[in-house]
PDB file of N, CA and C in Angstrom:
ATOM      1  N   MET A   1       0.836  -1.236  -0.024  1.00  0.00           N
ATOM      2  CA  MET A   1      -0.012  -0.011   0.003  1.00  0.00           C
ATOM      3  C   MET A   1       0.919   1.269  -0.028  1.00  0.00           C
ATOM      4  N   LYS A   2       0.499   2.153  -0.927  1.00  0.00           N
ATOM      5  CA  LYS A   2       1.241   3.470  -1.010  1.00  0.00           C
ATOM      6  C   LYS A   2       0.556   4.451   0.115  1.00  0.00           C
ATOM      7  N   LEU A   3       1.395   5.252   0.723  1.00  0.00           N
ATOM      8  CA  LEU A   3       0.746   6.320   1.476  1.00  0.00           C
ATOM      9  C   LEU A   3       1.308   7.589   1.168  1.00  0.00           C
ATOM     10  N   GLN A   4       0.456   8.657   1.224  1.00  0.00           N
ATOM     11  CA  GLN A   4       1.075  10.099   0.888  1.00  0.00           C
ATOM     12  C   GLN A   4       1.805  10.728   2.131  1.00  0.00           C
ATOM     13  N   SER A   5       2.838  11.291   1.701  1.00  0.00           N
ATOM     14  CA  SER A   5       3.582  12.111   2.833  1.00  0.00           C
ATOM     15  C   SER A   5       3.831  13.605   2.350  1.00  0.00           C
ATOM     16  N   ASP A   6       4.161  14.402   3.328  1.00  0.00           N
ATOM     17  CA  ASP A   6       4.333  15.711   3.031  1.00  0.00           C
ATOM     18  C   ASP A   6       5.904  15.871   2.844  1.00  0.00           C
ATOM     19  N   PRO A   7       6.306  15.955   1.574  1.00  0.00           N
ATOM     20  CA  PRO A   7       7.742  16.198   1.404  1.00  0.00           C
ATOM     21  C   PRO A   7       8.446  17.416   1.756  1.00  0.00           C
ATOM     22  N   HIS A   8       7.549  18.388   2.301  1.00  0.00           N
ATOM     23  CA  HIS A   8       8.157  19.650   2.777  1.00  0.00           C
ATOM     24  C   HIS A   8       8.358  19.559   4.231  1.00  0.00           C
ATOM     25  N   SER A   9       7.849  18.459   5.230  1.00  0.00           N
ATOM     26  CA  SER A   9       7.973  18.546   6.571  1.00  0.00           C
ATOM     27  C   SER A   9       9.326  18.255   7.002  1.00  0.00           C
ATOM     28  N   GLY A  10       9.995  17.599   6.169  1.00  0.00           N
ATOM     29  CA  GLY A  10      11.427  17.231   6.776  1.00  0.00           C
ATOM     30  C   GLY A  10      11.674  16.208   7.462  1.00  0.00           C
ATOM     31  N   ALA A  11      10.452  15.609   7.969  1.00  0.00           N
ATOM     32  CA  ALA A  11      10.463  14.407   8.932  1.00  0.00           C
ATOM     33  C   ALA A  11      10.393  13.103   8.115  1.00  0.00           C
ATOM     34  N   ASN A  12      10.940  12.038   8.797  1.00  0.00           N
ATOM     35  CA  ASN A  12      10.687  10.670   8.207  1.00  0.00           C
ATOM     36  C   ASN A  12       9.465  10.182   8.061  1.00  0.00           C
ATOM     37  N   THR A  13       8.927   9.819   6.952  1.00  0.00           N
ATOM     38  CA  THR A  13       7.558   9.114   6.954  1.00  0.00           C
ATOM     39  C   THR A  13       7.537   7.965   6.051  1.00  0.00           C
ATOM     40  N   ILE A  14       6.401   7.277   6.458  1.00  0.00           N
ATOM     41  CA  ILE A  14       6.248   5.867   5.841  1.00  0.00           C
ATOM     42  C   ILE A  14       5.515   6.387   4.481  1.00  0.00           C
ATOM     43  N   THR A  15       6.153   5.828   3.394  1.00  0.00           N
ATOM     44  CA  THR A  15       5.529   6.070   2.049  1.00  0.00           C
ATOM     45  C   THR A  15       4.852   4.898   1.580  1.00  0.00           C
ATOM     46  N   GLY A  16       5.071   3.771   2.076  1.00  0.00           N
ATOM     47  CA  GLY A  16       4.378   2.501   1.664  1.00  0.00           C
ATOM     48  C   GLY A  16       4.812   1.254   2.493  1.00  0.00           C
ATOM     49  N   TYR A  17       3.975   0.176   2.368  1.00  0.00           N
ATOM     50  CA  TYR A  17       4.359  -1.105   3.046  1.00  0.00           C
ATOM     51  C   TYR A  17       3.721  -2.331   2.483  1.00  0.00           C
ATOM     52  N   GLY A  18       4.014  -3.363   2.677  1.00  0.00           N
ATOM     53  CA  GLY A  18       3.314  -4.622   2.151  1.00  0.00           C
ATOM     54  C   GLY A  18       4.140  -5.734   2.833  1.00  0.00           C
ATOM     55  N   ASP A  19       3.806  -6.900   2.315  1.00  0.00           N
ATOM     56  CA  ASP A  19       4.286  -8.130   2.719  1.00  0.00           C
ATOM     57  C   ASP A  19       5.847  -8.187   2.536  1.00  0.00           C
ATOM     58  N   GLY A  20       6.573  -8.205   3.714  1.00  0.00           N
ATOM     59  CA  GLY A  20       7.968  -8.270   3.541  1.00  0.00           C
ATOM     60  C   GLY A  20       8.870  -7.032   3.462  1.00  0.00           C
ATOM     61  N   TYR A  21       8.116  -5.919   3.378  1.00  0.00           N
ATOM     62  CA  TYR A  21       8.864  -4.486   3.268  1.00  0.00           C
ATOM     63  C   TYR A  21       8.051  -3.367   3.947  1.00  0.00           C
ATOM     64  N   VAL A  22       8.801  -2.446   4.235  1.00  0.00           N
ATOM     65  CA  VAL A  22       8.201  -0.979   4.569  1.00  0.00           C
ATOM     66  C   VAL A  22       8.969  -0.022   3.831  1.00  0.00           C
ATOM     67  N   GLU A  23       8.404   0.956   3.396  1.00  0.00           N
ATOM     68  CA  GLU A  23       9.109   2.024   2.583  1.00  0.00           C
ATOM     69  C   GLU A  23       8.968   3.173   3.349  1.00  0.00           C
ATOM     70  N   ILE A  24      10.251   3.745   3.455  1.00  0.00           N
ATOM     71  CA  ILE A  24      10.343   5.069   4.462  1.00  0.00           C
ATOM     72  C   ILE A  24      11.201   6.028   3.398  1.00  0.00           C
ATOM     73  N   ASN A  25      10.452   7.245   3.267  1.00  0.00           N
ATOM     74  CA  ASN A  25      10.935   8.296   2.310  1.00  0.00           C
ATOM     75  C   ASN A  25      11.280   7.864   1.163  1.00  0.00           C
ATOM     76  N   GLN A  26      10.371   6.770   0.576  1.00  0.00           N
ATOM     77  CA  GLN A  26      10.457   6.245  -0.662  1.00  0.00           C
ATOM     78  C   GLN A  26      11.465   5.090  -0.809  1.00  0.00           C
ATOM     79  N   THR A  27      12.197   4.782   0.160  1.00  0.00           N
ATOM     80  CA  THR A  27      13.071   3.717   0.062  1.00  0.00           C
ATOM     81  C   THR A  27      12.780   2.642   0.800  1.00  0.00           C
ATOM     82  N   PRO A  28      12.760   1.390   0.142  1.00  0.00           N
ATOM     83  CA  PRO A  28      12.221   0.137   0.850  1.00  0.00           C
ATOM     84  C   PRO A  28      13.124  -0.427   1.692  1.00  0.00           C
ATOM     85  N   TYR A  29      12.763  -0.977   2.718  1.00  0.00           N
ATOM     86  CA  TYR A  29      13.495  -1.718   3.796  1.00  0.00           C
ATOM     87  C   TYR A  29      12.811  -3.268   4.094  1.00  0.00           C
ATOM     88  N   ALA A  30      13.653  -4.191   3.994  1.00  0.00           N
ATOM     89  CA  ALA A  30      13.067  -5.684   4.218  1.00  0.00           C
ATOM     90  C   ALA A  30      13.508  -6.212   5.510  1.00  0.00           C
ATOM     91  N   HIS A  31      13.755  -5.324   6.541  1.00  0.00           N
ATOM     92  CA  HIS A  31      14.196  -5.622   7.715  1.00  0.00           C
ATOM     93  C   HIS A  31      13.551  -4.877   8.843  1.00  0.00           C
ATOM     94  N   ALA A  32      13.575  -5.199  10.140  1.00  0.00           N
ATOM     95  CA  ALA A  32      12.901  -4.469  11.218  1.00  0.00           C
ATOM     96  C   ALA A  32      13.858  -3.029  11.246  1.00  0.00           C
ATOM     97  N   VAL A  33      13.034  -2.084  11.613  1.00  0.00           N
ATOM     98  CA  VAL A  33      13.582  -0.731  11.687  1.00  0.00           C
ATOM     99  C   VAL A  33      13.209   0.057  12.986  1.00  0.00           C
ATOM    100  N   LEU A  34      14.127   1.054  13.590  1.00  0.00           N
ATOM    101  CA  LEU A  34      13.781   1.881  14.458  1.00  0.00           C
ATOM    102  C   LEU A  34      13.500   3.111  13.622  1.00  0.00           C
ATOM    103  N   LEU A  35      12.654   3.871  13.740  1.00  0.00           N
ATOM    104  CA  LEU A  35      12.440   5.116  13.112  1.00  0.00           C
ATOM    105  C   LEU A  35      12.013   6.339  13.745  1.00  0.00           C
ATOM    106  N   SER A  36      12.761   7.213  13.891  1.00  0.00           N
ATOM    107  CA  SER A  36      12.278   8.441  14.646  1.00  0.00           C
ATOM    108  C   SER A  36      11.900   9.498  13.666  1.00  0.00           C
ATOM    109  N   SER A  37      10.839  10.376  14.141  1.00  0.00           N
ATOM    110  CA  SER A  37      10.287  11.446  13.143  1.00  0.00           C
ATOM    111  C   SER A  37      11.468  12.291  12.708  1.00  0.00           C
ATOM    112  N   ASP A  38      12.552  12.543  13.555  1.00  0.00           N
ATOM    113  CA  ASP A  38      13.520  13.499  13.117  1.00  0.00           C
ATOM    114  C   ASP A  38      14.937  12.958  13.228  1.00  0.00           C
ATOM    115  N   GLY A  39      15.136  11.564  13.311  1.00  0.00           N
ATOM    116  CA  GLY A  39      16.366  11.127  13.453  1.00  0.00           C
ATOM    117  C   GLY A  39      16.731  10.259  12.324  1.00  0.00           C
ATOM    118  N   ALA A  40      17.641   9.303  12.509  1.00  0.00           N
ATOM    119  CA  ALA A  40      18.131   8.497  11.496  1.00  0.00           C
ATOM    120  C   ALA A  40      17.093   7.166  11.575  1.00  0.00           C
ATOM    121  N   ILE A  41      17.278   6.539  10.373  1.00  0.00           N
ATOM    122  CA  ILE A  41      16.572   5.299  10.290  1.00  0.00           C
ATOM    123  C   ILE A  41      17.607   4.196  10.630  1.00  0.00           C
ATOM    124  N   ALA A  42      17.197   3.324  11.773  1.00  0.00           N
ATOM    125  CA  ALA A  42      18.312   2.406  12.099  1.00  0.00           C
ATOM    126  C   ALA A  42      17.739   0.964  11.986  1.00  0.00           C
ATOM    127  N   GLU A  43      18.586   0.104  11.513  1.00  0.00           N
ATOM    128  CA  GLU A  43      18.254  -1.357  11.522  1.00  0.00           C
ATOM    129  C   GLU A  43      17.895  -1.733  12.957  1.00  0.00           C
ATOM    130  N   TRP A  44      16.969  -2.357  13.200  1.00  0.00           N
ATOM    131  CA  TRP A  44      16.561  -2.859  14.572  1.00  0.00           C
ATOM    132  C   TRP A  44      16.764  -4.439  14.462  1.00  0.00           C
ATOM    133  N   PRO A  45      17.616  -5.016  15.330  1.00  0.00           N
ATOM    134  CA  PRO A  45      18.034  -6.412  15.446  1.00  0.00           C
ATOM    135  C   PRO A  45      17.056  -7.517  15.750  1.00  0.00           C
ATOM    136  N   VAL A  46      15.833  -7.244  15.228  1.00  0.00           N
ATOM    137  CA  VAL A  46      14.669  -8.198  15.554  1.00  0.00           C
ATOM    138  C   VAL A  46      14.174  -8.838  14.278  1.00  0.00           C
ATOM    139  N   LYS A  47      14.353 -10.100  14.210  1.00  0.00           N
ATOM    140  CA  LYS A  47      13.957 -10.921  12.874  1.00  0.00           C
ATOM    141  C   LYS A  47      12.334 -11.150  13.015  1.00  0.00           C
ATOM    142  N   THR A  48      12.003 -11.642  14.241  1.00  0.00           N
ATOM    143  CA  THR A  48      10.548 -12.069  14.408  1.00  0.00           C
ATOM    144  C   THR A  48      10.087 -11.524  15.856  1.00  0.00           C
ATOM    145  N   PHE A  49       8.819 -11.493  16.156  1.00  0.00           N
ATOM    146  CA  PHE A  49       8.324 -11.157  17.431  1.00  0.00           C
ATOM    147  C   PHE A  49       8.859 -12.011  18.530  1.00  0.00           C
ATOM    148  N   GLU A  50       9.030 -13.257  18.120  1.00  0.00           N
ATOM    149  CA  GLU A  50       9.617 -14.123  19.447  1.00  0.00           C
ATOM    150  C   GLU A  50      11.103 -13.770  19.696  1.00  0.00           C
ATOM    151  N   ASP A  51      11.693 -12.910  18.829  1.00  0.00           N
ATOM    152  CA  ASP A  51      13.197 -12.618  19.118  1.00  0.00           C
ATOM    153  C   ASP A  51      13.200 -11.454  20.195  1.00  0.00           C
ATOM    154  N   LEU A  52      12.130 -10.772  20.575  1.00  0.00           N
ATOM    155  CA  LEU A  52      12.177  -9.617  21.264  1.00  0.00           C
ATOM    156  C   LEU A  52      12.936  -9.896  22.690  1.00  0.00           C
ATOM    157  N   GLU A  53      13.934  -9.100  23.154  1.00  0.00           N
ATOM    158  CA  GLU A  53      14.575  -9.203  24.265  1.00  0.00           C
ATOM    159  C   GLU A  53      14.534  -7.770  25.029  1.00  0.00           C
ATOM    160  N   ALA A  54      14.783  -7.785  26.319  1.00  0.00           N
ATOM    161  CA  ALA A  54      14.757  -6.469  27.066  1.00  0.00           C
ATOM    162  C   ALA A  54      15.687  -5.365  26.444  1.00  0.00           C
ATOM    163  N   GLY A  55      16.720  -5.813  25.940  1.00  0.00           N
ATOM    164  CA  GLY A  55      17.703  -4.969  25.379  1.00  0.00           C
ATOM    165  C   GLY A  55      17.210  -4.240  24.311  1.00  0.00           C
ATOM    166  N   HIS A  56      16.132  -4.784  23.466  1.00  0.00           N
ATOM    167  CA  HIS A  56      15.592  -3.998  22.394  1.00  0.00           C
ATOM    168  C   HIS A  56      14.884  -2.910  22.673  1.00  0.00           C
ATOM    169  N   PHE A  57      14.283  -3.006  23.913  1.00  0.00           N
ATOM    170  CA  PHE A  57      13.376  -1.777  24.418  1.00  0.00           C
ATOM    171  C   PHE A  57      14.307  -0.826  25.070  1.00  0.00           C
ATOM    172  N   SER A  58      15.514  -1.182  25.661  1.00  0.00           N
ATOM    173  CA  SER A  58      16.420  -0.120  26.236  1.00  0.00           C
ATOM    174  C   SER A  58      16.881   0.415  25.168  1.00  0.00           C
ATOM    175  N   GLN A  59      17.131   0.036  23.991  1.00  0.00           N
ATOM    176  CA  GLN A  59      17.729   0.750  22.710  1.00  0.00           C
ATOM    177  C   GLN A  59      16.737   1.806  22.259  1.00  0.00           C
ATOM    178  N   MET A  60      15.469   1.567  22.505  1.00  0.00           N
ATOM    179  CA  MET A  60      14.366   2.671  22.094  1.00  0.00           C
ATOM    180  C   MET A  60      14.460   3.804  23.251  1.00  0.00           C
ATOM    181  N   ILE A  61      14.759   3.522  24.393  1.00  0.00           N
ATOM    182  CA  ILE A  61      14.836   4.540  25.485  1.00  0.00           C
ATOM    183  C   ILE A  61      15.999   5.565  25.198  1.00  0.00           C
ATOM    184  N   ASP A  62      17.080   5.015  24.674  1.00  0.00           N
ATOM    185  CA  ASP A  62      18.247   5.835  24.397  1.00  0.00           C
ATOM    186  C   ASP A  62      17.950   6.921  23.364  1.00  0.00           C
ATOM    187  N   LEU A  63      16.772   6.794  22.582  1.00  0.00           N
ATOM    188  CA  LEU A  63      16.531   7.828  21.736  1.00  0.00           C
ATOM    189  C   LEU A  63      15.574   8.978  22.084  1.00  0.00           C
ATOM    190  N   LYS A  64      15.168   8.728  23.246  1.00  0.00           N
ATOM    191  CA  LYS A  64      14.468   9.620  24.234  1.00  0.00           C
ATOM    192  C   LYS A  64      12.996  10.251  23.445  1.00  0.00           C
ATOM    193  N   PRO A  65      12.251   9.181  23.052  1.00  0.00           N
ATOM    194  CA  PRO A  65      11.076   9.663  22.142  1.00  0.00           C
ATOM    195  C   PRO A  65      10.017  10.120  23.305  1.00  0.00           C
ATOM    196  N   GLU A  66       9.138  10.850  22.908  1.00  0.00           N
ATOM    197  CA  GLU A  66       7.787  11.169  23.613  1.00  0.00           C
ATOM    198  C   GLU A  66       6.848   9.939  23.693  1.00  0.00           C
ATOM    199  N   LEU A  67       6.748   9.361  22.594  1.00  0.00           N
ATOM    200  CA  LEU A  67       5.951   8.192  22.481  1.00  0.00           C
ATOM    201  C   LEU A  67       6.495   7.163  21.697  1.00  0.00           C
ATOM    202  N   ILE A  68       6.248   5.798  21.885  1.00  0.00           N
ATOM    203  CA  ILE A  68       6.783   4.671  21.154  1.00  0.00           C
ATOM    204  C   ILE A  68       5.800   3.935  20.515  1.00  0.00           C
ATOM    205  N   LEU A  69       5.621   3.742  19.198  1.00  0.00           N
ATOM    206  CA  LEU A  69       4.673   2.846  18.578  1.00  0.00           C
ATOM    207  C   LEU A  69       5.530   1.502  18.260  1.00  0.00           C
ATOM    208  N   ILE A  70       4.997   0.446  18.620  1.00  0.00           N
ATOM    209  CA  ILE A  70       5.616  -0.902  18.396  1.00  0.00           C
ATOM    210  C   ILE A  70       4.869  -1.823  17.518  1.00  0.00           C
ATOM    211  N   GLY A  71       5.341  -1.803  16.248  1.00  0.00           N
ATOM    212  CA  GLY A  71       4.578  -2.740  15.207  1.00  0.00           C
ATOM    213  C   GLY A  71       5.094  -4.132  15.365  1.00  0.00           C
ATOM    214  N   THR A  72       4.160  -5.156  15.575  1.00  0.00           N
ATOM    215  CA  THR A  72       4.487  -6.409  15.985  1.00  0.00           C
ATOM    216  C   THR A  72       4.406  -7.410  14.731  1.00  0.00           C
ATOM    217  N   GLY A  73       4.267  -6.932  13.540  1.00  0.00           N
ATOM    218  CA  GLY A  73       4.269  -7.910  12.450  1.00  0.00           C
ATOM    219  C   GLY A  73       2.909  -7.780  11.857  1.00  0.00           C
ATOM    220  N   LYS A  74       2.475  -9.088  11.124  1.00  0.00           N
ATOM    221  CA  LYS A  74       1.264  -8.979  10.457  1.00  0.00           C
ATOM    222  C   LYS A  74       0.078  -8.883  11.552  1.00  0.00           C
ATOM    223  N   ARG A  75       0.267  -9.505  12.681  1.00  0.00           N
ATOM    224  CA  ARG A  75      -0.820  -9.369  13.670  1.00  0.00           C
ATOM    225  C   ARG A  75      -0.252  -8.733  14.939  1.00  0.00           C
ATOM    226  N   GLN A  76      -1.143  -8.160  15.742  1.00  0.00           N
ATOM    227  CA  GLN A  76      -0.915  -7.407  16.907  1.00  0.00           C
ATOM    228  C   GLN A  76      -0.618  -8.630  18.092  1.00  0.00           C
ATOM    229  N   ARG A  77       0.499  -8.527  18.543  1.00  0.00           N
ATOM    230  CA  ARG A  77       0.894  -9.231  19.690  1.00  0.00           C
ATOM    231  C   ARG A  77       1.475  -8.652  20.790  1.00  0.00           C
ATOM    232  N   PHE A  78       1.208  -8.974  22.066  1.00  0.00           N
ATOM    233  CA  PHE A  78       1.895  -8.277  23.238  1.00  0.00           C
ATOM    234  C   PHE A  78       3.108  -8.788  23.832  1.00  0.00           C
ATOM    235  N   PRO A  79       4.218  -8.144  23.772  1.00  0.00           N
ATOM    236  CA  PRO A  79       5.430  -8.751  24.559  1.00  0.00           C
ATOM    237  C   PRO A  79       4.970  -8.939  26.125  1.00  0.00           C
ATOM    238  N   LYS A  80       5.866  -9.806  26.586  1.00  0.00           N
ATOM    239  CA  LYS A  80       5.839 -10.096  28.092  1.00  0.00           C
ATOM    240  C   LYS A  80       6.185  -8.815  28.891  1.00  0.00           C
ATOM    241  N   PRO A  81       5.429  -8.694  30.053  1.00  0.00           N
ATOM    242  CA  PRO A  81       5.477  -7.423  30.739  1.00  0.00           C
ATOM    243  C   PRO A  81       6.842  -7.155  31.249  1.00  0.00           C
ATOM    244  N   GLU A  82       7.552  -8.213  31.467  1.00  0.00           N
ATOM    245  CA  GLU A  82       9.048  -7.858  31.853  1.00  0.00           C
ATOM    246  C   GLU A  82       9.854  -7.195  30.828  1.00  0.00           C
ATOM    247  N   LEU A  83       9.435  -7.431  29.545  1.00  0.00           N
ATOM    248  CA  LEU A  83      10.224  -6.725  28.498  1.00  0.00           C
ATOM    249  C   LEU A  83      10.049  -5.201  28.391  1.00  0.00           C
ATOM    250  N   LEU A  84       8.671  -4.847  28.817  1.00  0.00           N
ATOM    251  CA  LEU A  84       8.158  -3.589  28.759  1.00  0.00           C
ATOM    252  C   LEU A  84       8.527  -2.556  29.960  1.00  0.00           C
ATOM    253  N   LYS A  85       9.253  -3.484  31.077  1.00  0.00           N
ATOM    254  CA  LYS A  85       9.398  -2.749  32.279  1.00  0.00           C
ATOM    255  C   LYS A  85      10.392  -1.434  32.008  1.00  0.00           C
ATOM    256  N   SER A  86      11.334  -1.633  31.147  1.00  0.00           N
ATOM    257  CA  SER A  86      12.180  -0.498  31.091  1.00  0.00           C
ATOM    258  C   SER A  86      11.479   0.747  30.439  1.00  0.00           C
ATOM    259  N   LEU A  87      10.443   0.641  29.589  1.00  0.00           N
ATOM    260  CA  LEU A  87       9.622   1.776  29.147  1.00  0.00           C
ATOM    261  C   LEU A  87       8.849   2.318  30.077  1.00  0.00           C
ATOM    262  N   ILE A  88       8.125   1.538  30.995  1.00  0.00           N
ATOM    263  CA  ILE A  88       7.379   1.933  32.050  1.00  0.00           C
ATOM    264  C   ILE A  88       8.189   2.839  33.035  1.00  0.00           C
ATOM    265  N   THR A  89       9.292   2.250  33.508  1.00  0.00           N
ATOM    266  CA  THR A  89      10.064   2.899  34.393  1.00  0.00           C
ATOM    267  C   THR A  89      10.820   4.243  33.937  1.00  0.00           C
ATOM    268  N   ALA A  90      10.850   4.284  32.504  1.00  0.00           N
ATOM    269  CA  ALA A  90      11.365   5.620  31.922  1.00  0.00           C
ATOM    270  C   ALA A  90      10.251   6.552  31.592  1.00  0.00           C
ATOM    271  N   LYS A  91       9.015   6.150  31.957  1.00  0.00           N
ATOM    272  CA  LYS A  91       7.824   6.909  31.847  1.00  0.00           C
ATOM    273  C   LYS A  91       7.636   7.425  30.350  1.00  0.00           C
ATOM    274  N   ILE A  92       7.823   6.458  29.632  1.00  0.00           N
ATOM    275  CA  ILE A  92       7.688   6.665  28.078  1.00  0.00           C
ATOM    276  C   ILE A  92       6.445   5.896  27.522  1.00  0.00           C
ATOM    277  N   GLY A  93       5.562   6.686  27.110  1.00  0.00           N
ATOM    278  CA  GLY A  93       4.289   6.021  26.575  1.00  0.00           C
ATOM    279  C   GLY A  93       4.569   4.971  25.462  1.00  0.00           C
ATOM    280  N   PHE A  94       3.725   4.095  25.340  1.00  0.00           N
ATOM    281  CA  PHE A  94       3.891   3.163  24.159  1.00  0.00           C
ATOM    282  C   PHE A  94       2.638   2.554  23.791  1.00  0.00           C
ATOM    283  N   GLU A  95       2.326   2.290  22.660  1.00  0.00           N
ATOM    284  CA  GLU A  95       1.305   1.579  21.933  1.00  0.00           C
ATOM    285  C   GLU A  95       1.749   0.241  21.246  1.00  0.00           C
ATOM    286  N   ILE A  96       1.180  -0.754  21.246  1.00  0.00           N
ATOM    287  CA  ILE A  96       1.571  -1.865  20.536  1.00  0.00           C
ATOM    288  C   ILE A  96       0.333  -2.315  19.457  1.00  0.00           C
ATOM    289  N   MET A  97       0.748  -2.476  18.246  1.00  0.00           N
ATOM    290  CA  MET A  97      -0.302  -2.812  17.363  1.00  0.00           C
ATOM    291  C   MET A  97       0.462  -3.498  16.096  1.00  0.00           C
ATOM    292  N   ASP A  98      -0.429  -4.023  15.276  1.00  0.00           N
ATOM    293  CA  ASP A  98       0.183  -4.721  14.030  1.00  0.00           C
ATOM    294  C   ASP A  98       0.992  -3.731  13.287  1.00  0.00           C
ATOM    295  N   SER A  99       2.013  -4.137  12.534  1.00  0.00           N
ATOM    296  CA  SER A  99       2.954  -3.129  11.843  1.00  0.00           C
ATOM    297  C   SER A  99       2.218  -2.215  10.869  1.00  0.00           C
ATOM    298  N   GLN A 100       1.054  -2.783  10.179  1.00  0.00           N
ATOM    299  CA  GLN A 100       0.427  -1.657   9.226  1.00  0.00           C
ATOM    300  C   GLN A 100      -0.228  -0.555   9.901  1.00  0.00           C
ATOM    301  N   ALA A 101      -0.955  -0.879  11.122  1.00  0.00           N
ATOM    302  CA  ALA A 101      -1.569   0.026  11.783  1.00  0.00           C
ATOM    303  C   ALA A 101      -0.471   0.895  12.423  1.00  0.00           C
ATOM    304  N   ALA A 102       0.593   0.423  12.961  1.00  0.00           N
ATOM    305  CA  ALA A 102       1.646   1.184  13.518  1.00  0.00           C
ATOM    306  C   ALA A 102       2.343   2.275  12.464  1.00  0.00           C
ATOM    307  N   CYS A 103       2.339   1.679  11.146  1.00  0.00           N
ATOM    308  CA  CYS A 103       2.748   2.808  10.122  1.00  0.00           C
ATOM    309  C   CYS A 103       1.810   3.886   9.908  1.00  0.00           C
ATOM    310  N   ARG A 104       0.563   3.524   9.833  1.00  0.00           N
ATOM    311  CA  ARG A 104      -0.483   4.627   9.521  1.00  0.00           C
ATOM    312  C   ARG A 104      -0.497   5.571  10.822  1.00  0.00           C
ATOM    313  N   THR A 105      -0.527   5.075  11.967  1.00  0.00           N
ATOM    314  CA  THR A 105      -0.481   5.854  13.187  1.00  0.00           C
ATOM    315  C   THR A 105       0.782   6.764  13.297  1.00  0.00           C
ATOM    316  N   TYR A 106       1.891   6.309  12.880  1.00  0.00           N
ATOM    317  CA  TYR A 106       3.233   6.943  13.036  1.00  0.00           C
ATOM    318  C   TYR A 106       2.960   8.219  12.051  1.00  0.00           C
ATOM    319  N   ASN A 107       2.505   7.960  10.816  1.00  0.00           N
ATOM    320  CA  ASN A 107       2.413   9.134  10.014  1.00  0.00           C
ATOM    321  C   ASN A 107       1.534  10.189  10.469  1.00  0.00           C
ATOM    322  N   ILE A 108       0.308   9.866  11.087  1.00  0.00           N
ATOM    323  CA  ILE A 108      -0.628  10.753  11.704  1.00  0.00           C
ATOM    324  C   ILE A 108       0.116  11.521  12.772  1.00  0.00           C
ATOM    325  N   LEU A 109       0.814  10.859  13.753  1.00  0.00           N
ATOM    326  CA  LEU A 109       1.540  11.589  14.697  1.00  0.00           C
ATOM    327  C   LEU A 109       2.566  12.415  14.309  1.00  0.00           C
ATOM    328  N   VAL A 110       3.385  11.990  13.360  1.00  0.00           N
ATOM    329  CA  VAL A 110       4.428  12.884  12.666  1.00  0.00           C
ATOM    330  C   VAL A 110       3.644  14.119  12.149  1.00  0.00           C
ATOM    331  N   GLY A 111       2.664  13.963  11.497  1.00  0.00           N
ATOM    332  CA  GLY A 111       1.948  15.113  10.902  1.00  0.00           C
ATOM    333  C   GLY A 111       1.428  16.208  11.931  1.00  0.00           C
ATOM    334  N   GLU A 112       1.144  15.674  13.198  1.00  0.00           N
ATOM    335  CA  GLU A 112       0.979  16.555  14.211  1.00  0.00           C
ATOM    336  C   GLU A 112       2.196  17.103  14.912  1.00  0.00           C
ATOM    337  N   GLY A 113       3.444  16.838  14.610  1.00  0.00           N
ATOM    338  CA  GLY A 113       4.568  17.252  15.140  1.00  0.00           C
ATOM    339  C   GLY A 113       5.061  16.645  16.355  1.00  0.00           C
ATOM    340  N   ARG A 114       4.581  15.434  16.579  1.00  0.00           N
ATOM    341  CA  ARG A 114       4.827  14.767  17.720  1.00  0.00           C
ATOM    342  C   ARG A 114       6.294  14.084  17.600  1.00  0.00           C
ATOM    343  N   GLN A 115       7.034  13.867  18.676  1.00  0.00           N
ATOM    344  CA  GLN A 115       8.331  13.303  18.656  1.00  0.00           C
ATOM    345  C   GLN A 115       8.112  11.784  18.960  1.00  0.00           C
ATOM    346  N   VAL A 116       7.936  11.003  17.832  1.00  0.00           N
ATOM    347  CA  VAL A 116       7.521   9.680  17.996  1.00  0.00           C
ATOM    348  C   VAL A 116       8.440   8.646  17.429  1.00  0.00           C
ATOM    349  N   LEU A 117       8.692   7.499  18.050  1.00  0.00           N
ATOM    350  CA  LEU A 117       9.609   6.475  17.637  1.00  0.00           C
ATOM    351  C   LEU A 117       8.753   5.420  17.170  1.00  0.00           C
ATOM    352  N   LEU A 118       9.062   4.793  16.093  1.00  0.00           N
ATOM    353  CA  LEU A 118       8.362   3.609  15.403  1.00  0.00           C
ATOM    354  C   LEU A 118       9.455   2.393  15.591  1.00  0.00           C
ATOM    355  N   ALA A 119       9.025   1.491  16.205  1.00  0.00           N
ATOM    356  CA  ALA A 119       9.838   0.190  16.337  1.00  0.00           C
ATOM    357  C   ALA A 119       8.926  -0.847  15.607  1.00  0.00           C
ATOM    358  N   LEU A 120       9.623  -1.228  14.357  1.00  0.00           N
ATOM    359  CA  LEU A 120       8.731  -2.068  13.374  1.00  0.00           C
ATOM    360  C   LEU A 120       9.366  -3.321  13.157  1.00  0.00           C
ATOM    361  N   ILE A 121       8.552  -4.348  13.352  1.00  0.00           N
ATOM    362  CA  ILE A 121       9.016  -5.685  12.802  1.00  0.00           C
ATOM    363  C   ILE A 121       8.376  -5.924  11.502  1.00  0.00           C
ATOM    364  N   VAL A 122       9.297  -6.126  10.428  1.00  0.00           N
ATOM    365  CA  VAL A 122       9.016  -6.451   9.056  1.00  0.00           C
ATOM    366  C   VAL A 122       9.052  -8.068   8.826  1.00  0.00           C
ATOM    367  N   GLU A 123       7.953  -8.674   8.918  1.00  0.00           N
ATOM    368  CA  GLU A 123       8.073 -10.133   8.717  1.00  0.00           C
ATOM    369  C   GLU A 123       8.305 -10.480   7.136  1.00  0.00           C
ATOM    370  N   PRO A 124       9.321 -11.414   6.988  1.00  0.00           N
ATOM    371  CA  PRO A 124       9.360 -11.880   5.470  1.00  0.00           C
ATOM    372  C   PRO A 124       8.066 -12.432   5.073  1.00  0.00           C
ATOM    373  N   ASN A 125       7.946 -12.480   3.593  1.00  0.00           N
ATOM    374  CA  ASN A 125       6.957 -13.080   2.930  1.00  0.00           C
ATOM    375  C   ASN A 125       6.669 -14.514   3.381  1.00  0.00           C
TER     376      ASN A 125
END
């Protein structure tokens, strides 16, 4: 699916997604990413939802977002509470949803000027 973005905003935006990829600023990625509205696009070392570890969430905190959207792949799944403890302790809000919903929500929040981080699992075909 292609998404519209505001090329004049200067923020990173999701411009498309589908099975096995996400497109950021019109560049496709076939791996999990950490995407900040105003920062770099980083590969997130998560292949599948089952690979999630506490260190992956600590990596998000280091980027100091206002809010974190966690895209868990093709369907919404909830990480074990002990994995989310570092986000709760740091008082960073987070939402967990399937990856396509996370992409759409990310673009909406970026359009509102929010400091949002997208942690997105991209499942292979």
